[in-house]
C-alpha atoms as a PDB file:
ATOM      1  CA  MET A   1       0.000   0.000   0.000  1.00  0.00           C
ATOM      2  CA  LEU A   2       3.007   2.262   0.700  1.00  0.00           C
ATOM      3  CA  SER A   3       6.635   1.869  -0.376  1.00  0.00           C
ATOM      4  CA  SER A   4      10.032   3.267   0.557  1.00  0.00           C
ATOM      5  CA  GLN A   5       9.499   6.026  -2.017  1.00  0.00           C
ATOM      6  CA  CYS A   6       6.616   7.305   0.099  1.00  0.00           C
ATOM      7  CA  PHE A   7       9.147   8.448   2.687  1.00  0.00           C
ATOM      8  CA  GLU A   8      11.962   9.848   0.555  1.00  0.00           C
ATOM      9  CA  ASN A   9      13.075  13.463   1.092  1.00  0.00           C
ATOM     10  CA  PRO A  10      10.984  13.896   4.262  1.00  0.00           C
ATOM     11  CA  PRO A  11       9.953  17.451   5.174  1.00  0.00           C
ATOM     12  CA  ASN A  12      10.916  19.267   8.336  1.00  0.00           C
ATOM     13  CA  LEU A  13       7.484  19.663   9.852  1.00  0.00           C
ATOM     14  CA  SER A  14       6.511  23.057  11.245  1.00  0.00           C
ATOM     15  CA  SER A  15       3.379  23.973  13.188  1.00  0.00           C
ATOM     16  CA  THR A  16       3.789  27.662  12.301  1.00  0.00           C
ATOM     17  CA  CYS A  17       4.610  27.577   8.577  1.00  0.00           C
ATOM     18  CA  GLY A  18       2.277  29.041   5.973  1.00  0.00           C
ATOM     19  CA  ALA A  19       0.254  32.222   5.615  1.00  0.00           C
ATOM     20  CA  GLY A  20      -2.911  30.667   7.042  1.00  0.00           C
ATOM     21  CA  ARG A  21      -4.044  29.631  10.483  1.00  0.00           C
ATOM     22  CA  VAL A  22      -4.867  26.453  12.386  1.00  0.00           C
ATOM     23  CA  GLU A  23      -8.389  25.973  13.649  1.00  0.00           C
ATOM     24  CA  GLU A  24     -10.704  23.080  14.394  1.00  0.00           C
ATOM     25  CA  LEU A  25     -12.909  21.713  11.615  1.00  0.00           C
ATOM     26  CA  ALA A  26     -15.141  18.687  12.133  1.00  0.00           C
ATOM     27  CA  GLY A  27     -13.121  17.799  15.227  1.00  0.00           C
ATOM     28  CA  LEU A  28      -9.761  17.905  13.446  1.00  0.00           C
ATOM     29  CA  LYS A  29      -6.989  20.462  13.751  1.00  0.00           C
ATOM     30  CA  THR A  30      -6.909  22.024  10.301  1.00  0.00           C
ATOM     31  CA  TYR A  31      -4.677  24.416   8.407  1.00  0.00           C
ATOM     32  CA  VAL A  32      -7.007  26.984   6.843  1.00  0.00           C
ATOM     33  CA  THR A  33      -5.984  29.566   4.249  1.00  0.00           C
ATOM     34  CA  GLY A  34      -7.748  31.794   1.743  1.00  0.00           C
ATOM     35  CA  PRO A  35     -10.753  34.109   1.698  1.00  0.00           C
ATOM     36  CA  SER A  36     -13.255  33.235   4.426  1.00  0.00           C
ATOM     37  CA  ASP A  37     -16.126  34.568   2.308  1.00  0.00           C
ATOM     38  CA  SER A  38     -15.382  32.275  -0.635  1.00  0.00           C
ATOM     39  CA  LYS A  39     -18.131  29.875  -1.690  1.00  0.00           C
ATOM     40  CA  ARG A  40     -15.600  27.482  -3.248  1.00  0.00           C
ATOM     41  CA  ALA A  41     -13.419  25.237  -1.114  1.00  0.00           C
ATOM     42  CA  VAL A  42     -10.519  22.889  -1.729  1.00  0.00           C
ATOM     43  CA  LEU A  43      -9.611  20.082   0.641  1.00  0.00           C
ATOM     44  CA  LEU A  44      -6.011  18.844   0.494  1.00  0.00           C
ATOM     45  CA  ILE A  45      -5.426  15.338   1.865  1.00  0.00           C
ATOM     46  CA  PRO A  46      -1.728  14.945   2.702  1.00  0.00           C
ATOM     47  CA  ASP A  47       0.785  12.176   2.329  1.00  0.00           C
ATOM     48  CA  ALA A  48       2.105  10.340   5.396  1.00  0.00           C
ATOM     49  CA  PHE A  49       3.917  13.427   6.694  1.00  0.00           C
ATOM     50  CA  GLY A  50       0.688  15.219   7.426  1.00  0.00           C
ATOM     51  CA  TYR A  51      -0.631  18.735   7.536  1.00  0.00           C
ATOM     52  CA  GLU A  52       2.455  20.484   8.963  1.00  0.00           C
ATOM     53  CA  ALA A  53       4.622  19.849   5.873  1.00  0.00           C
ATOM     54  CA  PRO A  54       5.841  23.294   4.697  1.00  0.00           C
ATOM     55  CA  LYS A  55       5.652  22.564   0.950  1.00  0.00           C
ATOM     56  CA  LEU A  56       2.090  21.280   1.297  1.00  0.00           C
ATOM     57  CA  ARG A  57       1.065  24.428   3.171  1.00  0.00           C
ATOM     58  CA  LYS A  58       2.841  26.544   0.570  1.00  0.00           C
ATOM     59  CA  LEU A  59       0.754  24.792  -2.090  1.00  0.00           C
ATOM     60  CA  ALA A  60      -2.383  25.373  -0.026  1.00  0.00           C
ATOM     61  CA  ASP A  61      -1.581  29.090   0.057  1.00  0.00           C
ATOM     62  CA  LYS A  62      -1.036  29.051  -3.717  1.00  0.00           C
ATOM     63  CA  VAL A  63      -4.437  27.455  -4.317  1.00  0.00           C
ATOM     64  CA  ALA A  64      -6.001  29.941  -1.889  1.00  0.00           C
ATOM     65  CA  SER A  65      -4.584  32.847  -3.904  1.00  0.00           C
ATOM     66  CA  ALA A  66      -6.828  31.701  -6.779  1.00  0.00           C
ATOM     67  CA  GLY A  67      -9.890  32.446  -4.665  1.00  0.00           C
ATOM     68  CA  PHE A  68     -10.529  29.162  -2.855  1.00  0.00           C
ATOM     69  CA  LEU A  69     -10.895  28.591   0.859  1.00  0.00           C
ATOM     70  CA  VAL A  70      -8.368  25.784   1.383  1.00  0.00           C
ATOM     71  CA  VAL A  71      -8.344  23.338   4.283  1.00  0.00           C
ATOM     72  CA  VAL A  72      -5.698  20.776   5.204  1.00  0.00           C
ATOM     73  CA  PRO A  73      -6.895  18.670   8.153  1.00  0.00           C
ATOM     74  CA  ASP A  74      -4.713  16.645  10.497  1.00  0.00           C
ATOM     75  CA  PHE A  75      -6.064  13.247   9.509  1.00  0.00           C
ATOM     76  CA  TYR A  76      -3.367  11.567  11.637  1.00  0.00           C
ATOM     77  CA  TYR A  77      -4.395  13.158  14.942  1.00  0.00           C
ATOM     78  CA  GLY A  78      -0.909  14.403  15.730  1.00  0.00           C
ATOM     79  CA  ASP A  79       0.736  11.161  14.593  1.00  0.00           C
ATOM     80  CA  PRO A  80       2.319  11.767  11.162  1.00  0.00           C
ATOM     81  CA  VAL A  81       5.323   9.795  10.024  1.00  0.00           C
ATOM     82  CA  ILE A  82       8.365  11.550  11.491  1.00  0.00           C
ATOM     83  CA  ASN A  83      11.253   9.151  10.958  1.00  0.00           C
ATOM     84  CA  VAL A  84      10.635   5.966   9.023  1.00  0.00           C
ATOM     85  CA  ASN A  85      14.115   4.763  10.033  1.00  0.00           C
ATOM     86  CA  ASP A  86      13.302   4.845  13.742  1.00  0.00           C
ATOM     87  CA  PRO A  87      13.679   1.218  14.935  1.00  0.00           C
ATOM     88  CA  ASN A  88      10.503   1.646  16.972  1.00  0.00           C
ATOM     89  CA  PHE A  89       8.470   2.734  13.948  1.00  0.00           C
ATOM     90  CA  SER A  90       6.414   0.215  11.967  1.00  0.00           C
ATOM     91  CA  VAL A  91       4.826   1.221   8.668  1.00  0.00           C
ATOM     92  CA  GLU A  92       2.375  -1.655   8.988  1.00  0.00           C
ATOM     93  CA  ALA A  93       1.302  -0.632  12.489  1.00  0.00           C
ATOM     94  CA  TRP A  94       0.976   2.997  11.424  1.00  0.00           C
ATOM     95  CA  LEU A  95      -1.238   2.032   8.472  1.00  0.00           C
ATOM     96  CA  ARG A  96      -3.446  -0.111  10.677  1.00  0.00           C
ATOM     97  CA  LYS A  97      -3.992   2.938  12.877  1.00  0.00           C
ATOM     98  CA  HIS A  98      -4.351   5.352   9.955  1.00  0.00           C
ATOM     99  CA  SER A  99      -6.021   3.380   7.187  1.00  0.00           C
ATOM    100  CA  PRO A 100      -7.382   5.048   4.047  1.00  0.00           C
ATOM    101  CA  ASP A 101     -10.810   3.739   5.062  1.00  0.00           C
ATOM    102  CA  LYS A 102     -10.573   5.702   8.319  1.00  0.00           C
ATOM    103  CA  GLY A 103      -9.333   8.716   6.377  1.00  0.00           C
ATOM    104  CA  TYR A 104     -12.407   8.465   4.178  1.00  0.00           C
ATOM    105  CA  GLU A 105     -14.700   8.338   7.211  1.00  0.00           C
ATOM    106  CA  ASP A 106     -12.931  11.359   8.722  1.00  0.00           C
ATOM    107  CA  ALA A 107     -13.114  13.310   5.454  1.00  0.00           C
ATOM    108  CA  LYS A 108     -16.878  13.047   5.147  1.00  0.00           C
ATOM    109  CA  PRO A 109     -17.655  15.264   8.176  1.00  0.00           C
ATOM    110  CA  VAL A 110     -15.011  17.738   6.983  1.00  0.00           C
ATOM    111  CA  ILE A 111     -16.887  18.063   3.693  1.00  0.00           C
ATOM    112  CA  ALA A 112     -20.195  18.351   5.569  1.00  0.00           C
ATOM    113  CA  ALA A 113     -18.716  21.107   7.754  1.00  0.00           C
ATOM    114  CA  LEU A 114     -17.569  23.035   4.682  1.00  0.00           C
ATOM    115  CA  LYS A 115     -21.045  22.818   3.202  1.00  0.00           C
ATOM    116  CA  SER A 116     -22.541  24.021   6.484  1.00  0.00           C
ATOM    117  CA  LYS A 117     -20.303  27.092   6.165  1.00  0.00           C
ATOM    118  CA  GLY A 118     -21.924  27.894   2.841  1.00  0.00           C
ATOM    119  CA  MET A 119     -19.544  26.260   0.381  1.00  0.00           C
ATOM    120  CA  SER A 120     -21.402  25.618  -2.873  1.00  0.00           C
ATOM    121  CA  ALA A 121     -18.587  23.666  -4.558  1.00  0.00           C
ATOM    122  CA  ILE A 122     -15.739  21.581  -3.140  1.00  0.00           C
ATOM    123  CA  GLY A 123     -12.714  20.120  -4.881  1.00  0.00           C
ATOM    124  CA  VAL A 124     -10.212  17.713  -3.351  1.00  0.00           C
ATOM    125  CA  ALA A 125      -6.586  16.892  -4.077  1.00  0.00           C
ATOM    126  CA  GLY A 126      -4.908  13.904  -2.458  1.00  0.00           C
ATOM    127  CA  PHE A 127      -1.230  12.985  -2.281  1.00  0.00           C
ATOM    128  CA  CYS A 128       0.008   9.379  -1.883  1.00  0.00           C
ATOM    129  CA  TRP A 129      -2.021   8.180   1.163  1.00  0.00           C
ATOM    130  CA  GLY A 130      -4.383  11.050   0.441  1.00  0.00           C
ATOM    131  CA  GLY A 131      -4.946   9.707  -3.052  1.00  0.00           C
ATOM    132  CA  MET A 132      -6.182   6.409  -1.597  1.00  0.00           C
ATOM    133  CA  VAL A 133      -8.656   8.362   0.520  1.00  0.00           C
ATOM    134  CA  LEU A 134      -9.705  10.601  -2.354  1.00  0.00           C
ATOM    135  CA  VAL A 135     -10.547   7.816  -4.782  1.00  0.00           C
ATOM    136  CA  LYS A 136     -13.187   6.695  -2.277  1.00  0.00           C
ATOM    137  CA  LEU A 137     -14.603  10.228  -2.059  1.00  0.00           C
ATOM    138  CA  ALA A 138     -14.652  10.395  -5.869  1.00  0.00           C
ATOM    139  CA  GLY A 139     -17.113   7.504  -5.815  1.00  0.00           C
ATOM    140  CA  THR A 140     -19.659   9.843  -4.215  1.00  0.00           C
ATOM    141  CA  GLU A 141     -21.220  13.067  -5.411  1.00  0.00           C
ATOM    142  CA  ASP A 142     -20.326  14.960  -2.234  1.00  0.00           C
ATOM    143  CA  ILE A 143     -17.516  16.798  -4.040  1.00  0.00           C
ATOM    144  CA  GLN A 144     -17.229  18.325  -7.495  1.00  0.00           C
ATOM    145  CA  ALA A 145     -13.720  17.377  -8.652  1.00  0.00           C
ATOM    146  CA  ALA A 146     -10.706  15.258  -7.690  1.00  0.00           C
ATOM    147  CA  VAL A 147      -6.992  15.435  -8.410  1.00  0.00           C
ATOM    148  CA  ILE A 148      -5.035  12.355  -7.331  1.00  0.00           C
ATOM    149  CA  LEU A 149      -1.269  12.893  -7.220  1.00  0.00           C
ATOM    150  CA  HIS A 150       1.235   9.999  -7.103  1.00  0.00           C
ATOM    151  CA  PRO A 151      -1.250   7.779  -5.293  1.00  0.00           C
ATOM    152  CA  GLY A 152      -0.783   4.765  -3.110  1.00  0.00           C
ATOM    153  CA  ARG A 153      -2.509   1.666  -4.389  1.00  0.00           C
ATOM    154  CA  LEU A 154      -5.863   2.189  -6.089  1.00  0.00           C
ATOM    155  CA  THR A 155      -8.074  -0.621  -7.325  1.00  0.00           C
ATOM    156  CA  GLU A 156      -9.827  -0.944 -10.653  1.00  0.00           C
ATOM    157  CA  ASP A 157     -13.135  -1.241  -8.814  1.00  0.00           C
ATOM    158  CA  GLU A 158     -12.506   2.085  -7.082  1.00  0.00           C
ATOM    159  CA  ILE A 159     -11.785   3.734 -10.424  1.00  0.00           C
ATOM    160  CA  LYS A 160     -14.877   2.173 -11.989  1.00  0.00           C
ATOM    161  CA  ALA A 161     -16.929   3.709  -9.152  1.00  0.00           C
ATOM    162  CA  VAL A 162     -15.704   7.286  -9.790  1.00  0.00           C
ATOM    163  CA  LYS A 163     -18.583   9.693 -10.367  1.00  0.00           C
ATOM    164  CA  ILE A 164     -16.900  13.109 -10.693  1.00  0.00           C
ATOM    165  CA  PRO A 165     -14.290  14.766 -12.934  1.00  0.00           C
ATOM    166  CA  THR A 166     -10.983  13.196 -11.909  1.00  0.00           C
ATOM    167  CA  ALA A 167      -7.369  13.788 -12.896  1.00  0.00           C
ATOM    168  CA  ILE A 168      -4.495  11.499 -11.922  1.00  0.00           C
ATOM    169  CA  LEU A 169      -0.943  12.860 -11.983  1.00  0.00           C
ATOM    170  CA  GLY A 170       1.695  10.153 -11.773  1.00  0.00           C
ATOM    171  CA  ALA A 171       5.457   9.738 -11.797  1.00  0.00           C
ATOM    172  CA  GLU A 172       7.467   7.894 -14.423  1.00  0.00           C
ATOM    173  CA  ASN A 173       9.574   6.307 -11.669  1.00  0.00           C
ATOM    174  CA  ASP A 174       7.071   5.026  -9.150  1.00  0.00           C
ATOM    175  CA  HIS A 175       7.602   1.723  -7.331  1.00  0.00           C
ATOM    176  CA  ILE A 176       4.168   1.682  -5.752  1.00  0.00           C
ATOM    177  CA  PHE A 177       2.191   2.579  -8.875  1.00  0.00           C
ATOM    178  CA  PRO A 178       4.139   2.133 -12.135  1.00  0.00           C
ATOM    179  CA  ALA A 179       3.189   4.407 -15.017  1.00  0.00           C
ATOM    180  CA  ASP A 180       1.821   1.576 -17.147  1.00  0.00           C
ATOM    181  CA  GLU A 181      -0.610   0.597 -14.398  1.00  0.00           C
ATOM    182  CA  LEU A 182      -1.756   4.180 -13.960  1.00  0.00           C
ATOM    183  CA  LYS A 183      -2.378   4.406 -17.694  1.00  0.00           C
ATOM    184  CA  LYS A 184      -4.657   1.355 -17.439  1.00  0.00           C
ATOM    185  CA  LEU A 185      -6.681   3.171 -14.800  1.00  0.00           C
ATOM    186  CA  GLY A 186      -6.818   6.112 -17.181  1.00  0.00           C
ATOM    187  CA  GLU A 187      -8.364   3.870 -19.824  1.00  0.00           C
ATOM    188  CA  ILE A 188     -11.070   2.856 -17.354  1.00  0.00           C
ATOM    189  CA  LEU A 189     -11.743   6.497 -16.557  1.00  0.00           C
ATOM    190  CA  SER A 190     -11.805   7.576 -20.197  1.00  0.00           C
ATOM    191  CA  ALA A 191     -14.473   4.960 -20.915  1.00  0.00           C
ATOM    192  CA  LYS A 192     -16.741   6.858 -18.521  1.00  0.00           C
ATOM    193  CA  THR A 193     -17.857   9.334 -21.159  1.00  0.00           C
ATOM    194  CA  GLU A 194     -20.262  11.069 -18.781  1.00  0.00           C
ATOM    195  CA  LEU A 195     -17.389  12.709 -16.908  1.00  0.00           C
ATOM    196  CA  GLU A 196     -14.133  14.416 -17.817  1.00  0.00           C
ATOM    197  CA  SER A 197     -10.874  12.770 -16.767  1.00  0.00           C
ATOM    198  CA  TYR A 198      -7.252  12.299 -17.662  1.00  0.00           C
ATOM    199  CA  VAL A 199      -4.041  10.637 -16.517  1.00  0.00           C
ATOM    200  CA  LYS A 200      -0.711  12.396 -16.981  1.00  0.00           C
ATOM    201  CA  ILE A 201       2.667  10.800 -16.344  1.00  0.00           C
ATOM    202  CA  PHE A 202       5.532  13.165 -15.521  1.00  0.00           C
ATOM    203  CA  PRO A 203       8.886  12.056 -16.978  1.00  0.00           C
ATOM    204  CA  GLY A 204      12.019  11.657 -14.911  1.00  0.00           C
ATOM    205  CA  VAL A 205      10.406  12.105 -11.489  1.00  0.00           C
ATOM    206  CA  ASN A 206       9.805   9.807  -8.532  1.00  0.00           C
ATOM    207  CA  HIS A 207       6.745   9.138  -6.411  1.00  0.00           C
ATOM    208  CA  GLY A 208       6.022  12.124  -4.164  1.00  0.00           C
ATOM    209  CA  TRP A 209       7.685  14.703  -6.404  1.00  0.00           C
ATOM    210  CA  SER A 210       4.863  17.261  -6.346  1.00  0.00           C
ATOM    211  CA  VAL A 211       5.253  18.144  -2.661  1.00  0.00           C
ATOM    212  CA  ARG A 212       8.611  16.608  -1.693  1.00  0.00           C
ATOM    213  CA  TYR A 213      10.929  18.023  -4.328  1.00  0.00           C
ATOM    214  CA  LYS A 214      14.410  19.260  -3.475  1.00  0.00           C
ATOM    215  CA  ASP A 215      14.717  23.029  -3.664  1.00  0.00           C
ATOM    216  CA  ASP A 216      18.183  22.875  -5.201  1.00  0.00           C
ATOM    217  CA  ASP A 217      17.082  20.551  -8.027  1.00  0.00           C
ATOM    218  CA  GLU A 218      15.909  22.870 -10.796  1.00  0.00           C
ATOM    219  CA  SER A 219      14.352  20.093 -12.851  1.00  0.00           C
ATOM    220  CA  ALA A 220      12.483  18.687  -9.838  1.00  0.00           C
ATOM    221  CA  VAL A 221      11.156  22.120  -8.915  1.00  0.00           C
ATOM    222  CA  LYS A 222       9.973  22.686 -12.479  1.00  0.00           C
ATOM    223  CA  SER A 223       8.139  19.337 -12.570  1.00  0.00           C
ATOM    224  CA  ALA A 224       6.528  20.006  -9.199  1.00  0.00           C
ATOM    225  CA  GLU A 225       5.361  23.437 -10.331  1.00  0.00           C
ATOM    226  CA  GLU A 226       3.899  21.926 -13.507  1.00  0.00           C
ATOM    227  CA  ALA A 227       1.980  19.336 -11.494  1.00  0.00           C
ATOM    228  CA  GLN A 228       0.711  21.992  -9.109  1.00  0.00           C
ATOM    229  CA  GLU A 229      -0.444  24.156 -12.006  1.00  0.00           C
ATOM    230  CA  ASP A 230      -2.225  21.185 -13.583  1.00  0.00           C
ATOM    231  CA  MET A 231      -3.919  20.519 -10.260  1.00  0.00           C
ATOM    232  CA  LEU A 232      -5.001  24.123  -9.838  1.00  0.00           C
ATOM    233  CA  ASN A 233      -6.281  24.380 -13.411  1.00  0.00           C
ATOM    234  CA  TRP A 234      -8.409  21.267 -12.935  1.00  0.00           C
ATOM    235  CA  LEU A 235      -9.898  22.681  -9.752  1.00  0.00           C
ATOM    236  CA  LEU A 236     -10.548  26.072 -11.356  1.00  0.00           C
ATOM    237  CA  LYS A 237     -12.329  24.359 -14.230  1.00  0.00           C
ATOM    238  CA  HIS A 238     -14.572  22.064 -12.210  1.00  0.00           C
ATOM    239  CA  VAL A 239     -15.088  23.688  -8.811  1.00  0.00           C
ATOM    240  CA  ASN A 240     -17.458  26.550  -9.483  1.00  0.00           C
END
């Protein structure tokens, strides 16, 4: 479900990074950024490093600058992956505690809370673990659009159940979800002519590149920025 690539280039987590604020939403501590009077919201579902990752919050601020209210909840309840090399850490135990199914159940009241605040349209982007949560949300009509970035394992049945416009952005070098397999999911999506979708594979990058790029790697930064722009454009098109 997760691989070693899911933990490469880990961020230095910071509770104070970003231009937004932390408040409680549906019982979860949540990074919130963007205009409070917006009627359009975007939910970002993080990878295993959680909602205090500086690059993820920077992306949230970027999406907010386009006019969205953006929320990034702490789906791990203060228990993100900190050091995968810690001898006391077990990926398997962590996943049992923080399964994508639980993430899905936690995301539903977040979406309900956004609607109760007057949001008329909600888009969601999910990264790695977050992509596994998002594909389940995309099988409902509670949200208007989905962008799944370098996901953990998705099933064909989950893709067949998708009901909303969905984009999948994948890496050429991805151990957990090889490009050829992602393209097969794209074929399933494209057969659903009632909704818009696409799969795009980014050359020369690894799993996680969109939010865990190295700042001193010009090519990596460029690829990450392209993926983020693709994500934002999809949300602008379908969340209105």
